[in-house]
């Protein structure tokens, strides 16, 4: 093999590794960002309404239990309740009399 063949192989190898790294970073960042989790049982008392990634290590999760919502911050190894007892009808932009 000539030197040109080795360099073409090395460049192709680096390019493929770069594509794999880019794809894995994108999947980690945006993979589950728009998933809505629903239980198969329609009479479920517990639902995850929405989940949003803040960064690679933290995400906000809006959980509904018995018509009350709770906003949770999930990080590596810890969970924090940001806001609790949010009434389901309490949405920004609702008209209040």
C-alpha atoms as a PDB file:
ATOM      1  CA  UNK A   1       0.000   0.000   0.000  1.00  0.00           C
ATOM      2  CA  UNK A   2       1.123   3.493  -0.672  1.00  0.00           C
ATOM      3  CA  UNK A   3       1.275   6.396   1.739  1.00  0.00           C
ATOM      4  CA  UNK A   4      -1.774   7.941   0.053  1.00  0.00           C
ATOM      5  CA  UNK A   5      -3.848   4.852   0.852  1.00  0.00           C
ATOM      6  CA  UNK A   6      -2.853   4.964   4.537  1.00  0.00           C
ATOM      7  CA  UNK A   7      -3.671   8.635   4.841  1.00  0.00           C
ATOM      8  CA  UNK A   8      -7.048   8.173   3.114  1.00  0.00           C
ATOM      9  CA  UNK A   9      -7.855   5.324   5.496  1.00  0.00           C
ATOM     10  CA  UNK A  10      -6.832   7.404   8.529  1.00  0.00           C
ATOM     11  CA  UNK A  11      -8.894  10.404   7.391  1.00  0.00           C
ATOM     12  CA  UNK A  12     -11.938   8.234   6.704  1.00  0.00           C
ATOM     13  CA  UNK A  13     -11.556   6.588  10.108  1.00  0.00           C
ATOM     14  CA  UNK A  14     -11.336   9.953  11.906  1.00  0.00           C
ATOM     15  CA  UNK A  15     -14.336  11.227   9.916  1.00  0.00           C
ATOM     16  CA  UNK A  16     -16.475   8.226  10.899  1.00  0.00           C
ATOM     17  CA  UNK A  17     -15.447   8.534  14.568  1.00  0.00           C
ATOM     18  CA  UNK A  18     -16.335  12.234  14.444  1.00  0.00           C
ATOM     19  CA  UNK A  19     -19.775  11.451  13.011  1.00  0.00           C
ATOM     20  CA  UNK A  20     -20.390   8.859  15.719  1.00  0.00           C
ATOM     21  CA  UNK A  21     -19.362  11.360  18.420  1.00  0.00           C
ATOM     22  CA  UNK A  22     -21.557  14.095  16.953  1.00  0.00           C
ATOM     23  CA  UNK A  23     -24.551  11.777  16.685  1.00  0.00           C
ATOM     24  CA  UNK A  24     -24.146  10.540  20.262  1.00  0.00           C
ATOM     25  CA  UNK A  25     -23.864  14.123  21.588  1.00  0.00           C
ATOM     26  CA  UNK A  26     -27.015  15.159  19.708  1.00  0.00           C
ATOM     27  CA  UNK A  27     -28.880  12.075  20.881  1.00  0.00           C
ATOM     28  CA  UNK A  28     -27.856  12.683  24.483  1.00  0.00           C
ATOM     29  CA  UNK A  29     -28.918  16.333  24.284  1.00  0.00           C
ATOM     30  CA  UNK A  30     -32.183  16.012  22.338  1.00  0.00           C
ATOM     31  CA  UNK A  31     -33.049  12.314  22.536  1.00  0.00           C
ATOM     32  CA  UNK A  32     -35.796  12.358  25.165  1.00  0.00           C
ATOM     33  CA  UNK A  33     -36.551  16.073  25.274  1.00  0.00           C
ATOM     34  CA  UNK A  34     -39.995  15.874  23.730  1.00  0.00           C
ATOM     35  CA  UNK A  35     -41.216  12.554  25.029  1.00  0.00           C
ATOM     36  CA  UNK A  36     -44.503  12.544  26.868  1.00  0.00           C
ATOM     37  CA  UNK A  37     -44.886   9.554  29.122  1.00  0.00           C
ATOM     38  CA  UNK A  38     -48.356   8.087  29.392  1.00  0.00           C
ATOM     39  CA  UNK A  39     -49.380   5.096  31.404  1.00  0.00           C
ATOM     40  CA  UNK A  40     -51.361   2.424  29.586  1.00  0.00           C
ATOM     41  CA  UNK A  41     -53.990   2.578  32.313  1.00  0.00           C
ATOM     42  CA  UNK A  42     -56.328   5.528  31.636  1.00  0.00           C
ATOM     43  CA  UNK A  43     -57.356   5.605  35.308  1.00  0.00           C
ATOM     44  CA  UNK A  44     -53.799   6.301  36.419  1.00  0.00           C
ATOM     45  CA  UNK A  45     -53.321   8.756  39.276  1.00  0.00           C
ATOM     46  CA  UNK A  46     -49.762   9.596  38.244  1.00  0.00           C
ATOM     47  CA  UNK A  47     -48.595  11.096  34.920  1.00  0.00           C
ATOM     48  CA  UNK A  48     -45.480  12.792  33.637  1.00  0.00           C
ATOM     49  CA  UNK A  49     -46.854  15.776  31.757  1.00  0.00           C
ATOM     50  CA  UNK A  50     -43.665  17.198  30.298  1.00  0.00           C
ATOM     51  CA  UNK A  51     -39.890  16.834  30.549  1.00  0.00           C
ATOM     52  CA  UNK A  52     -37.334  19.383  29.360  1.00  0.00           C
ATOM     53  CA  UNK A  53     -33.564  19.120  29.425  1.00  0.00           C
ATOM     54  CA  UNK A  54     -31.776  22.130  30.911  1.00  0.00           C
ATOM     55  CA  UNK A  55     -28.337  20.789  30.053  1.00  0.00           C
ATOM     56  CA  UNK A  56     -26.630  17.422  29.772  1.00  0.00           C
ATOM     57  CA  UNK A  57     -26.912  16.739  33.510  1.00  0.00           C
ATOM     58  CA  UNK A  58     -30.199  18.340  34.584  1.00  0.00           C
ATOM     59  CA  UNK A  59     -33.820  18.266  33.465  1.00  0.00           C
ATOM     60  CA  UNK A  60     -37.130  19.660  34.622  1.00  0.00           C
ATOM     61  CA  UNK A  61     -40.074  17.281  34.927  1.00  0.00           C
ATOM     62  CA  UNK A  62     -43.695  18.272  35.413  1.00  0.00           C
ATOM     63  CA  UNK A  63     -45.510  15.482  37.263  1.00  0.00           C
ATOM     64  CA  UNK A  64     -49.286  15.302  37.783  1.00  0.00           C
ATOM     65  CA  UNK A  65     -50.772  13.419  40.739  1.00  0.00           C
ATOM     66  CA  UNK A  66     -54.489  13.536  41.548  1.00  0.00           C
ATOM     67  CA  UNK A  67     -55.098  16.784  39.603  1.00  0.00           C
ATOM     68  CA  UNK A  68     -52.137  18.509  41.273  1.00  0.00           C
ATOM     69  CA  UNK A  69     -48.884  19.176  39.428  1.00  0.00           C
ATOM     70  CA  UNK A  70     -45.361  19.212  40.865  1.00  0.00           C
ATOM     71  CA  UNK A  71     -42.282  20.661  39.158  1.00  0.00           C
ATOM     72  CA  UNK A  72     -39.140  18.618  39.823  1.00  0.00           C
ATOM     73  CA  UNK A  73     -35.491  19.259  38.994  1.00  0.00           C
ATOM     74  CA  UNK A  74     -33.668  16.001  38.344  1.00  0.00           C
ATOM     75  CA  UNK A  75     -29.882  15.976  38.376  1.00  0.00           C
ATOM     76  CA  UNK A  76     -27.231  13.323  38.740  1.00  0.00           C
ATOM     77  CA  UNK A  77     -27.867  11.747  42.124  1.00  0.00           C
ATOM     78  CA  UNK A  78     -30.344  14.316  43.448  1.00  0.00           C
ATOM     79  CA  UNK A  79     -33.921  15.387  43.003  1.00  0.00           C
ATOM     80  CA  UNK A  80     -35.328  18.754  44.039  1.00  0.00           C
ATOM     81  CA  UNK A  81     -38.941  19.888  44.246  1.00  0.00           C
ATOM     82  CA  UNK A  82     -39.033  23.330  42.621  1.00  0.00           C
ATOM     83  CA  UNK A  83     -42.759  23.983  43.011  1.00  0.00           C
ATOM     84  CA  UNK A  84     -45.441  21.857  44.577  1.00  0.00           C
ATOM     85  CA  UNK A  85     -49.250  21.842  44.639  1.00  0.00           C
ATOM     86  CA  UNK A  86     -49.660  23.593  41.288  1.00  0.00           C
ATOM     87  CA  UNK A  87     -53.352  23.603  40.411  1.00  0.00           C
ATOM     88  CA  UNK A  88     -53.962  21.999  37.018  1.00  0.00           C
ATOM     89  CA  UNK A  89     -55.956  24.991  35.727  1.00  0.00           C
ATOM     90  CA  UNK A  90     -53.180  27.421  36.725  1.00  0.00           C
ATOM     91  CA  UNK A  91     -51.548  28.059  33.363  1.00  0.00           C
ATOM     92  CA  UNK A  92     -49.764  31.275  32.410  1.00  0.00           C
ATOM     93  CA  UNK A  93     -52.105  33.433  30.368  1.00  0.00           C
ATOM     94  CA  UNK A  94     -55.332  32.159  31.956  1.00  0.00           C
ATOM     95  CA  UNK A  95     -57.911  34.869  32.553  1.00  0.00           C
ATOM     96  CA  UNK A  96     -58.692  35.427  36.224  1.00  0.00           C
ATOM     97  CA  UNK A  97     -61.798  37.323  37.321  1.00  0.00           C
END
